[in-house]
């Protein structure tokens, strides 16, 4: 049941009426590609009950979006298959549509929308989705409602976005207990809703079978057809839950001390959940719930929140330091990025959002001599003098992911080796979004912009190129971590990919 406490998550996408003559309530999944733990679905169920109309869940995969590739298409279609299976098991009417060169979304969607009494969709504040929601609201004859299911805390409950984690953290802590209690439904069911069988199901829908994925991908136009899926990365909710379970067993007990260590996937202590979070295949709420309940020695409830640690990056959520460390990353740092976009939804954020001190520092050192200058092509092909940086770039290209500590180093070095901060930003944005499964996300921009001084403080001593922006080096990284296993892993990937990829 959708609680009134969660109405703060709902906002109007237009000023149009609910159409009494409409055949159904339509939930159009555009970002939260799951049914469980989904406030958008919970509210759609509530509306279907209120207006006594069948609920139809429509999920679409657009083919030719910015930075699209077979890598991303396959991940999305594997997720679509899981959602189809989940809908069938839960009794929901689910209409999945995959855009191909002979089945365009713009040709199919009008007939689906015109029969809706009301449309609900995900309130995702980044990439092309804000503009898409605005155009959708204008084109509809009926009311459009957008629902925030991005995190544990409703984004609208914050007065503004915040420039520093230390400023956001106490506000997040103040809201956490109530938000946690009014979480979304872990097991939504269609029982009791008006029967959707009388609603005419459109032709040309995706059957939701994994064996059909290759033939669909062949007919999906994309921007980067050469970027293939990584065989070790499977999309979908089932895989995301499997990874979460394994992380809780083998990664979380060591998280606070070891999650930054660059390691092969078999020994990493990081969660590896970012791609599944980005595509909405798994929910931040359910991750939090699973992690808080993971310690058999602690019967966790909100009463265990430690208010004496309010605003601190450790100690607040749980007696276990590993749980605290992980949740601060998942909640504080993730929400920092989502709030940046939520207050002003847009395709991207750029260097204009940097604090004044960082802008001034970059400007003063704009003409500093760079010891190394690399073109975008050289960087993309990992042709630098730096073997650690090259390994990180190869990991991104080959696997669609990059170890988090190395991603910070990766971004800092591009700032150092590019001709200007603007060129560095453009290269970082393009390479990250083109290759990374978790790119095109609010946290893509917080991560990239952090390399330029966002969400950080001035650092001393002042350096060439960087000025007072935090500096990182491959030499210090090599001293801090045992990189030999990681570098051997990247070498094995490169050998498996063939000799010509980075030639």
Protein backbone atom coordinates (compact mmCIF):
# COMPACT_ATOMS: atom_id res chain seq x y z
CA UNK A 1 0.00 0.00 0.00
CA UNK A 2 1.27 3.47 -0.93
CA UNK A 3 1.59 5.63 2.18
CA UNK A 4 0.55 9.28 2.28
CA UNK A 5 4.03 9.91 3.69
CA UNK A 6 5.39 9.07 0.24
CA UNK A 7 3.26 11.60 -1.65
CA UNK A 8 6.27 13.90 -1.36
CA UNK A 9 7.84 11.64 -4.02
CA UNK A 10 5.12 12.50 -6.54
CA UNK A 11 5.05 15.57 -8.78
CA UNK A 12 2.95 16.66 -11.73
CA UNK A 13 4.42 16.40 -15.21
CA UNK A 14 1.62 18.50 -16.71
CA UNK A 15 -1.63 20.25 -15.77
CA UNK A 16 -3.97 17.98 -17.69
CA UNK A 17 -6.91 16.00 -16.30
CA UNK A 18 -7.35 12.35 -15.51
CA UNK A 19 -9.44 11.02 -18.42
CA UNK A 20 -12.39 9.10 -17.05
CA UNK A 21 -12.94 7.47 -20.46
CA UNK A 22 -9.40 6.10 -20.50
CA UNK A 23 -9.04 2.33 -20.52
CA UNK A 24 -6.21 1.94 -18.04
CA UNK A 25 -3.63 3.48 -15.75
CA UNK A 26 -0.27 3.30 -17.55
CA UNK A 27 3.04 3.01 -15.72
CA UNK A 28 5.79 3.70 -18.26
CA UNK A 29 9.08 2.32 -16.94
CA UNK A 30 11.92 4.52 -18.19
CA UNK A 31 14.51 4.27 -15.42
CA UNK A 32 13.44 1.91 -12.59
CA UNK A 33 13.60 -1.34 -14.52
CA UNK A 34 12.14 -3.53 -11.80
CA UNK A 35 8.82 -4.19 -10.09
CA UNK A 36 9.89 -4.87 -6.50
CA UNK A 37 11.00 -2.02 -4.24
CA UNK A 38 9.58 0.57 -6.63
CA UNK A 39 7.59 3.57 -5.38
CA UNK A 40 6.48 4.28 -8.96
CA UNK A 41 4.75 0.92 -9.22
CA UNK A 42 3.33 1.25 -5.71
CA UNK A 43 1.70 4.56 -6.63
CA UNK A 44 0.46 3.18 -9.96
CA UNK A 45 -1.24 0.32 -8.07
CA UNK A 46 -2.81 2.88 -5.73
CA UNK A 47 -4.15 4.89 -8.68
CA UNK A 48 -5.52 1.80 -10.43
CA UNK A 49 -7.41 0.95 -7.24
CA UNK A 50 -8.61 4.52 -6.79
CA UNK A 51 -9.93 4.95 -10.34
CA UNK A 52 -11.00 1.30 -10.66
CA UNK A 53 -9.09 0.81 -13.89
CA UNK A 54 -6.69 -1.91 -15.01
CA UNK A 55 -2.98 -1.23 -14.59
CA UNK A 56 -0.70 -1.66 -17.60
CA UNK A 57 3.07 -1.59 -17.12
CA UNK A 58 4.89 -0.51 -20.27
CA UNK A 59 8.67 -0.74 -20.50
CA UNK A 60 10.58 0.51 -23.54
CA UNK A 61 14.16 0.22 -24.73
CA UNK A 62 15.15 3.02 -27.08
CA UNK A 63 17.79 2.06 -29.62
CA UNK A 64 19.60 5.19 -30.77
CA UNK A 65 20.22 7.17 -27.60
CA UNK A 66 23.45 9.08 -26.99
CA UNK A 67 26.41 6.69 -26.47
CA UNK A 68 24.24 3.66 -27.33
CA UNK A 69 26.01 0.40 -28.17
CA UNK A 70 25.40 -3.36 -28.29
CA UNK A 71 27.02 -3.45 -24.84
CA UNK A 72 24.27 -1.31 -23.33
CA UNK A 73 21.50 -2.77 -25.49
CA UNK A 74 22.22 -6.32 -24.36
CA UNK A 75 22.36 -5.30 -20.70
CA UNK A 76 18.99 -3.57 -21.04
CA UNK A 77 17.34 -6.46 -22.89
CA UNK A 78 18.56 -8.98 -20.35
CA UNK A 79 16.94 -6.80 -17.71
CA UNK A 80 13.75 -6.61 -19.75
CA UNK A 81 13.54 -10.41 -19.77
CA UNK A 82 13.81 -10.50 -15.98
CA UNK A 83 11.05 -7.90 -15.60
CA UNK A 84 8.79 -9.86 -17.96
CA UNK A 85 9.32 -12.98 -15.87
CA UNK A 86 8.68 -11.08 -12.65
CA UNK A 87 5.49 -9.51 -14.04
CA UNK A 88 4.17 -12.89 -15.16
CA UNK A 89 4.89 -14.37 -11.75
CA UNK A 90 3.21 -11.43 -9.94
CA UNK A 91 0.17 -11.22 -12.22
CA UNK A 92 0.80 -7.80 -13.78
CA UNK A 93 -0.03 -6.84 -17.36
CA UNK A 94 3.40 -6.08 -18.79
CA UNK A 95 3.99 -4.66 -22.28
CA UNK A 96 7.70 -4.64 -23.20
CA UNK A 97 8.73 -2.85 -26.39
CA UNK A 98 12.18 -2.88 -27.99
CA UNK A 99 12.84 -0.28 -30.66
CA UNK A 100 14.43 -1.54 -33.88
CA UNK A 101 14.96 -0.04 -37.32
CA UNK A 102 11.61 -1.47 -38.46
CA UNK A 103 9.70 -0.90 -35.19
CA UNK A 104 10.13 2.70 -34.10
CA UNK A 105 9.02 3.78 -30.65
CA UNK A 106 7.55 7.02 -32.02
CA UNK A 107 5.25 4.98 -34.27
CA UNK A 108 4.03 2.64 -31.54
CA UNK A 109 3.69 4.80 -28.46
CA UNK A 110 0.84 7.17 -29.52
CA UNK A 111 -1.72 4.35 -29.71
CA UNK A 112 -0.71 3.17 -26.22
CA UNK A 113 -0.78 6.63 -24.67
CA UNK A 114 -4.09 7.75 -26.16
CA UNK A 115 -5.95 4.97 -24.35
CA UNK A 116 -4.53 5.87 -20.93
CA UNK A 117 -6.58 7.63 -18.29
CA UNK A 118 -3.39 8.68 -16.52
CA UNK A 119 0.32 8.05 -17.06
CA UNK A 120 2.90 7.47 -14.30
CA UNK A 121 6.62 7.40 -14.99
CA UNK A 122 9.98 7.42 -13.22
CA UNK A 123 11.36 10.77 -12.06
CA UNK A 124 14.99 10.32 -13.11
CA UNK A 125 16.74 13.72 -13.22
CA UNK A 126 19.64 13.13 -15.64
CA UNK A 127 20.54 12.26 -19.25
CA UNK A 128 17.77 12.57 -21.88
CA UNK A 129 15.00 11.52 -19.47
CA UNK A 130 14.09 14.99 -18.07
CA UNK A 131 13.60 16.39 -21.58
CA UNK A 132 11.71 13.26 -22.59
CA UNK A 133 9.37 13.64 -19.60
CA UNK A 134 8.74 17.29 -20.46
CA UNK A 135 7.85 16.44 -24.06
CA UNK A 136 5.70 13.55 -22.90
CA UNK A 137 3.75 15.82 -20.57
CA UNK A 138 3.10 18.26 -23.41
CA UNK A 139 1.99 15.60 -25.87
CA UNK A 140 -0.36 13.71 -23.55
CA UNK A 141 -4.08 14.43 -23.36
CA UNK A 142 -4.18 13.04 -19.83
CA UNK A 143 -2.33 13.77 -16.60
CA UNK A 144 1.32 12.77 -16.23
CA UNK A 145 2.76 12.05 -12.78
CA UNK A 146 6.44 11.51 -12.04
CA UNK A 147 7.50 9.48 -9.00
CA UNK A 148 10.89 9.54 -7.31
CA UNK A 149 12.13 6.04 -6.49
CA UNK A 150 15.81 6.93 -6.67
CA UNK A 151 16.84 6.42 -3.05
CA UNK A 152 15.75 5.79 0.51
CA UNK A 153 15.11 9.46 1.24
CA UNK A 154 12.70 11.39 -1.03
CA UNK A 155 14.78 13.93 -2.92
CA UNK A 156 12.03 16.56 -2.57
CA UNK A 157 12.43 16.43 1.23
CA UNK A 158 15.71 18.34 0.92
CA UNK A 159 15.50 22.11 0.64
CA UNK A 160 18.29 22.30 -1.95
CA UNK A 161 21.31 20.51 -3.35
CA UNK A 162 24.57 20.55 -1.42
CA UNK A 163 28.15 21.25 -2.39
CA UNK A 164 29.78 19.02 0.21
CA UNK A 165 29.10 15.58 1.64
CA UNK A 166 29.72 16.92 5.16
CA UNK A 167 26.85 19.40 4.70
CA UNK A 168 24.42 16.85 3.24
CA UNK A 169 25.26 14.07 5.72
CA UNK A 170 23.48 15.42 8.87
CA UNK A 171 20.39 16.25 6.82
CA UNK A 172 20.32 12.76 5.37
CA UNK A 173 20.74 11.29 8.85
CA UNK A 174 17.80 13.37 10.13
CA UNK A 175 15.52 11.98 7.41
CA UNK A 176 16.71 8.41 7.32
CA UNK A 177 14.62 6.69 10.01
CA UNK A 178 11.23 7.86 8.71
CA UNK A 179 12.22 7.28 5.08
CA UNK A 180 13.39 3.77 5.92
CA UNK A 181 10.09 2.90 7.59
CA UNK A 182 8.04 4.08 4.61
CA UNK A 183 9.97 2.09 2.03
CA UNK A 184 8.48 0.69 -1.16
CA UNK A 185 6.84 -2.73 -1.42
CA UNK A 186 9.36 -5.62 -1.64
CA UNK A 187 6.72 -7.92 -3.19
CA UNK A 188 4.05 -5.99 -5.10
CA UNK A 189 1.11 -8.03 -6.34
CA UNK A 190 -1.64 -7.42 -8.87
CA UNK A 191 -4.25 -9.16 -6.73
CA UNK A 192 -7.36 -7.02 -6.31
CA UNK A 193 -6.72 -4.81 -9.33
CA UNK A 194 -9.29 -4.61 -12.15
CA UNK A 195 -8.76 -7.40 -14.67
CA UNK A 196 -6.51 -6.22 -17.55
CA UNK A 197 -7.55 -9.05 -19.89
CA UNK A 198 -10.21 -6.87 -21.48
CA UNK A 199 -7.52 -4.40 -22.55
CA UNK A 200 -6.30 -4.99 -26.10
CA UNK A 201 -2.59 -5.91 -26.03
CA UNK A 202 -0.59 -4.23 -28.85
CA UNK A 203 1.21 -6.18 -31.53
CA UNK A 204 4.99 -6.01 -31.99
CA UNK A 205 5.85 -6.35 -28.32
CA UNK A 206 9.05 -8.03 -27.17
CA UNK A 207 8.40 -11.63 -26.09
CA UNK A 208 10.74 -11.39 -23.12
CA UNK A 209 12.82 -14.40 -24.16
CA UNK A 210 16.61 -14.31 -23.80
CA UNK A 211 17.09 -16.38 -26.94
CA UNK A 212 15.54 -13.51 -28.94
CA UNK A 213 18.09 -10.93 -27.77
CA UNK A 214 20.76 -11.46 -30.49
CA UNK A 215 18.32 -10.97 -33.37
CA UNK A 216 16.93 -7.81 -31.78
CA UNK A 217 20.39 -6.35 -31.23
CA UNK A 218 21.20 -6.91 -34.90
CA UNK A 219 18.24 -4.68 -35.79
CA UNK A 220 18.92 -1.95 -33.22
CA UNK A 221 20.64 1.11 -34.62
CA UNK A 222 23.24 2.54 -32.24
CA UNK A 223 25.99 5.16 -32.04
CA UNK A 224 28.88 2.77 -31.30
CA UNK A 225 28.24 -0.64 -32.88
CA UNK A 226 31.85 -1.69 -32.26
CA UNK A 227 31.46 -1.69 -28.46
CA UNK A 228 30.50 -5.23 -27.63
CA UNK A 229 29.09 -6.67 -24.39
CA UNK A 230 31.56 -7.98 -21.83
CA UNK A 231 30.97 -11.75 -21.48
CA UNK A 232 31.34 -11.59 -17.70
CA UNK A 233 28.63 -8.95 -17.24
CA UNK A 234 24.99 -10.04 -17.33
CA UNK A 235 22.17 -7.52 -17.13
CA UNK A 236 18.99 -7.85 -15.15
CA UNK A 237 17.55 -7.98 -11.69
CA UNK A 238 18.37 -11.63 -11.00
CA UNK A 239 22.06 -11.03 -11.64
CA UNK A 240 22.01 -7.86 -9.54
CA UNK A 241 20.51 -9.73 -6.57
CA UNK A 242 23.06 -12.50 -7.00
CA UNK A 243 25.90 -9.95 -6.90
CA UNK A 244 24.37 -8.28 -3.82
CA UNK A 245 24.19 -11.62 -2.00
CA UNK A 246 27.82 -12.41 -2.87
CA UNK A 247 28.97 -8.94 -1.81
CA UNK A 248 27.32 -9.29 1.59
CA UNK A 249 29.02 -12.65 2.04
CA UNK A 250 32.54 -11.91 0.77
CA UNK A 251 32.94 -8.15 0.36
CA UNK A 252 31.04 -6.32 3.09
CA UNK A 253 32.96 -7.90 6.02
CA UNK A 254 36.13 -6.22 4.70
CA UNK A 255 34.63 -3.16 3.05
CA UNK A 256 35.92 -0.28 5.18
CA UNK A 257 39.58 -1.30 4.89
CA UNK A 258 39.76 -2.96 1.48
CA UNK A 259 37.10 -1.64 -0.93
CA UNK A 260 39.49 0.87 -2.54
CA UNK A 261 42.09 -1.78 -3.38
CA UNK A 262 42.36 -2.37 -7.17
CA UNK A 263 41.83 -6.12 -7.56
CA UNK A 264 40.49 -8.67 -10.03
CA UNK A 265 36.71 -9.24 -9.74
CA UNK A 266 37.21 -12.54 -7.92
CA UNK A 267 38.90 -10.87 -4.94
CA UNK A 268 37.46 -7.33 -4.94
CA UNK A 269 35.71 -6.08 -1.82
CA UNK A 270 33.70 -3.44 -3.72
CA UNK A 271 30.01 -4.13 -4.34
CA UNK A 272 30.02 -4.13 -8.19
CA UNK A 273 26.38 -2.97 -8.07
CA UNK A 274 26.65 0.45 -9.74
CA UNK A 275 25.44 -0.65 -13.19
CA UNK A 276 22.39 -2.36 -11.69
CA UNK A 277 21.62 0.72 -9.62
CA UNK A 278 22.02 2.98 -12.65
CA UNK A 279 19.56 1.01 -14.77
CA UNK A 280 17.16 0.61 -11.84
CA UNK A 281 17.40 -3.18 -11.86
CA UNK A 282 18.03 -3.11 -8.14
CA UNK A 283 16.93 -0.52 -5.59
CA UNK A 284 19.00 1.46 -3.12
CA UNK A 285 16.28 0.74 -0.56
CA UNK A 286 16.59 -3.02 -0.84
CA UNK A 287 20.40 -2.85 -0.75
CA UNK A 288 20.20 -0.80 2.46
CA UNK A 289 17.69 -3.24 3.92
CA UNK A 290 19.86 -6.24 3.06
CA UNK A 291 23.06 -4.66 4.36
CA UNK A 292 21.52 -3.48 7.64
CA UNK A 293 20.19 -6.99 8.25
CA UNK A 294 23.40 -8.76 7.28
CA UNK A 295 25.07 -8.97 10.70
CA UNK A 296 23.71 -12.04 12.54
CA UNK A 297 24.87 -10.54 15.84
CA UNK A 298 22.68 -7.45 15.42
CA UNK A 299 18.87 -7.44 15.29
CA UNK A 300 18.74 -4.13 13.44
CA UNK A 301 15.94 -1.59 13.71
CA UNK A 302 15.89 2.22 13.40
CA UNK A 303 16.21 2.36 17.20
CA UNK A 304 19.87 1.38 16.72
CA UNK A 305 20.68 4.55 14.78
CA UNK A 306 23.30 6.35 16.84
CA UNK A 307 22.37 10.03 17.01
CA UNK A 308 25.65 10.89 18.74
CA UNK A 309 27.29 10.23 15.36
CA UNK A 310 24.84 12.44 13.42
CA UNK A 311 26.70 14.11 10.57
CA UNK A 312 29.74 11.87 10.85
CA UNK A 313 30.86 9.50 8.12
CA UNK A 314 31.09 6.57 10.56
CA UNK A 315 29.09 5.20 13.47
CA UNK A 316 25.58 6.46 12.65
CA UNK A 317 23.83 3.59 10.86
CA UNK A 318 25.16 0.48 12.53
CA UNK A 319 27.67 -0.79 15.12
CA UNK A 320 29.59 -2.54 12.31
CA UNK A 321 32.17 -0.21 10.72
CA UNK A 322 31.93 -1.99 7.37
CA UNK A 323 28.17 -1.45 7.17
CA UNK A 324 28.63 2.24 8.03
CA UNK A 325 31.36 2.72 5.46
CA UNK A 326 29.32 1.14 2.68
CA UNK A 327 26.11 3.00 3.51
CA UNK A 328 27.89 6.34 3.58
CA UNK A 329 29.04 5.66 0.02
CA UNK A 330 25.65 4.35 -1.12
CA UNK A 331 23.57 7.07 0.50
CA UNK A 332 25.56 10.24 1.16
CA UNK A 333 27.75 10.29 -1.94
CA UNK A 334 25.10 8.91 -4.26
CA UNK A 335 22.46 11.34 -3.04
CA UNK A 336 24.87 14.24 -3.46
CA UNK A 337 24.80 13.57 -7.22
CA UNK A 338 21.08 12.95 -7.48
CA UNK A 339 20.26 16.16 -5.63
CA UNK A 340 22.58 18.11 -7.94
CA UNK A 341 20.36 17.07 -10.84
CA UNK A 342 17.00 16.83 -9.07
CA UNK A 343 16.91 20.52 -8.23
CA UNK A 344 17.71 21.38 -11.84
CA UNK A 345 17.09 18.35 -14.11
CA UNK A 346 19.25 18.32 -17.23
CA UNK A 347 21.16 16.19 -19.70
CA UNK A 348 24.50 16.91 -18.00
CA UNK A 349 26.34 19.17 -15.58
CA UNK A 350 29.63 20.78 -16.60
CA UNK A 351 32.47 22.86 -15.17
CA UNK A 352 30.11 25.77 -14.56
CA UNK A 353 28.97 24.12 -11.33
CA UNK A 354 32.45 24.13 -9.82
CA UNK A 355 33.04 26.19 -6.66
CA UNK A 356 34.63 29.58 -7.24
CA UNK A 357 37.97 28.55 -5.76
CA UNK A 358 38.26 25.66 -8.24
CA UNK A 359 37.29 27.83 -11.21
CA UNK A 360 39.85 30.42 -10.19
CA UNK A 361 42.54 27.78 -9.68
CA UNK A 362 41.94 26.23 -13.10
CA UNK A 363 41.94 29.65 -14.73
CA UNK A 364 45.21 30.73 -13.11
CA UNK A 365 46.94 27.55 -14.29
CA UNK A 366 45.29 27.27 -17.69
CA UNK A 367 48.48 28.13 -19.56
CA UNK A 368 50.84 26.03 -17.42
CA UNK A 369 53.18 23.76 -19.32
CA UNK A 370 52.03 20.15 -19.41
CA UNK A 371 54.81 17.57 -19.22
CA UNK A 372 52.69 15.24 -21.34
CA UNK A 373 49.93 16.04 -23.83
CA UNK A 374 47.75 13.30 -25.28
CA UNK A 375 45.02 13.40 -27.88
CA UNK A 376 41.63 11.85 -27.19
CA UNK A 377 42.50 9.01 -29.57
CA UNK A 378 45.73 8.26 -27.70
CA UNK A 379 43.91 8.24 -24.39
CA UNK A 380 41.07 6.09 -25.68
CA UNK A 381 43.60 3.55 -26.97
CA UNK A 382 45.60 3.58 -23.72
CA UNK A 383 48.71 4.97 -25.41
CA UNK A 384 50.26 6.91 -22.55
CA UNK A 385 53.57 6.55 -20.73
CA UNK A 386 51.75 5.47 -17.56
CA UNK A 387 51.15 1.68 -17.21
CA UNK A 388 48.75 2.05 -14.26
CA UNK A 389 46.60 4.57 -16.12
CA UNK A 390 46.71 2.46 -19.27
CA UNK A 391 45.50 -0.57 -17.32
CA UNK A 392 42.53 1.38 -15.91
CA UNK A 393 41.59 2.61 -19.39
CA UNK A 394 41.83 -0.92 -20.79
CA UNK A 395 39.59 -2.20 -18.01
CA UNK A 396 36.99 0.41 -18.96
CA UNK A 397 37.14 -0.40 -22.68
CA UNK A 398 37.18 -4.17 -22.28
CA UNK A 399 34.79 -4.70 -19.36
CA UNK A 400 32.62 -1.58 -19.16
CA UNK A 401 33.71 -0.91 -15.60
CA UNK A 402 36.63 0.56 -13.69
CA UNK A 403 37.78 0.13 -10.13
CA UNK A 404 36.62 3.17 -8.16
CA UNK A 405 39.96 4.38 -6.80
CA UNK A 406 41.53 4.06 -10.24
CA UNK A 407 38.62 5.94 -11.77
CA UNK A 408 39.56 8.95 -9.63
CA UNK A 409 43.20 8.64 -10.71
CA UNK A 410 42.06 8.16 -14.32
CA UNK A 411 40.13 11.44 -14.26
CA UNK A 412 42.88 13.41 -12.53
CA UNK A 413 45.49 12.36 -15.07
CA UNK A 414 43.31 13.38 -18.03
CA UNK A 415 43.04 16.84 -16.46
CA UNK A 416 46.84 16.87 -16.23
CA UNK A 417 47.39 15.65 -19.83
CA UNK A 418 44.71 17.58 -21.73
CA UNK A 419 45.21 20.98 -23.32
CA UNK A 420 42.53 22.64 -21.21
CA UNK A 421 40.09 21.79 -18.39
CA UNK A 422 37.23 21.97 -20.90
CA UNK A 423 38.90 19.44 -23.19
CA UNK A 424 39.61 17.18 -20.23
CA UNK A 425 35.96 17.30 -19.13
CA UNK A 426 34.74 16.50 -22.65
CA UNK A 427 37.08 13.51 -22.94
CA UNK A 428 36.15 12.17 -19.51
CA UNK A 429 32.44 12.49 -20.18
CA UNK A 430 32.65 10.82 -23.56
CA UNK A 431 34.91 7.91 -22.58
CA UNK A 432 32.99 7.19 -19.39
CA UNK A 433 29.56 7.29 -20.99
CA UNK A 434 30.64 5.45 -24.12
CA UNK A 435 32.18 2.43 -22.39
CA UNK A 436 30.88 2.24 -18.81
CA UNK A 437 27.78 0.25 -17.98
CA UNK A 438 27.12 2.71 -15.14
CA UNK A 439 27.72 5.88 -17.19
CA UNK A 440 25.17 8.59 -18.07
CA UNK A 441 24.20 8.85 -14.40
CA UNK A 442 24.13 11.69 -11.85
CA UNK A 443 27.04 10.02 -10.11
CA UNK A 444 29.00 9.91 -13.35
CA UNK A 445 29.04 13.69 -13.16
CA UNK A 446 29.81 13.94 -9.46
CA UNK A 447 32.75 11.59 -10.03
CA UNK A 448 34.03 13.46 -13.07
CA UNK A 449 33.53 16.91 -11.58
CA UNK A 450 35.20 15.86 -8.32
CA UNK A 451 38.40 15.52 -10.37
CA UNK A 452 38.12 19.26 -11.07
CA UNK A 453 37.49 20.28 -7.44
CA UNK A 454 33.71 19.86 -7.06
CA UNK A 455 32.56 18.60 -3.62
CA UNK A 456 36.15 19.00 -2.38
CA UNK A 457 38.29 21.64 -0.68
CA UNK A 458 41.46 23.45 -1.77
CA UNK A 459 44.63 21.38 -1.35
CA UNK A 460 48.18 22.55 -0.75
CA UNK A 461 50.86 22.94 -1.90
CA UNK A 462 49.75 24.61 -5.11
CA UNK A 463 50.85 22.66 -8.19
CA UNK A 464 51.28 23.30 -11.89
CA UNK A 465 48.10 22.67 -13.94
CA UNK A 466 46.11 21.65 -10.83
CA UNK A 467 46.64 24.72 -8.72
CA UNK A 468 44.88 23.96 -5.44
CA UNK A 469 42.84 21.06 -6.82
CA UNK A 470 43.60 17.70 -5.21
CA UNK A 471 46.42 15.88 -6.99
CA UNK A 472 46.80 12.13 -7.50
CA UNK A 473 49.65 10.15 -9.04
CA UNK A 474 50.21 6.64 -10.31
CA UNK A 475 53.43 6.40 -8.30
CA UNK A 476 51.62 7.01 -5.01
CA UNK A 477 48.88 4.59 -6.07
CA UNK A 478 51.48 1.89 -6.73
CA UNK A 479 52.97 2.50 -3.27
CA UNK A 480 49.57 2.46 -1.57
CA UNK A 481 48.25 -0.74 -3.15
CA UNK A 482 49.59 -4.10 -4.30
CA UNK A 483 48.81 -3.71 -8.00
CA UNK A 484 50.47 -6.85 -9.38
CA UNK A 485 47.31 -9.06 -9.33
CA UNK A 486 45.21 -6.27 -10.86
CA UNK A 487 47.73 -5.59 -13.64
CA UNK A 488 47.97 -9.32 -14.38
CA UNK A 489 44.17 -9.47 -14.64
CA UNK A 490 44.12 -6.59 -17.15
CA UNK A 491 46.88 -8.23 -19.17
CA UNK A 492 44.84 -11.44 -19.38
CA UNK A 493 41.81 -9.48 -20.57
CA UNK A 494 43.89 -7.75 -23.22
CA UNK A 495 45.36 -11.02 -24.47
CA UNK A 496 41.89 -12.52 -24.67
CA UNK A 497 40.61 -9.57 -26.68
CA UNK A 498 43.22 -10.04 -29.41
CA UNK A 499 46.35 -8.17 -30.46
CA UNK A 500 44.73 -5.42 -32.52
CA UNK A 501 42.38 -3.74 -30.05
CA UNK A 502 44.97 -1.35 -28.56
CA UNK A 503 47.44 -1.50 -31.43
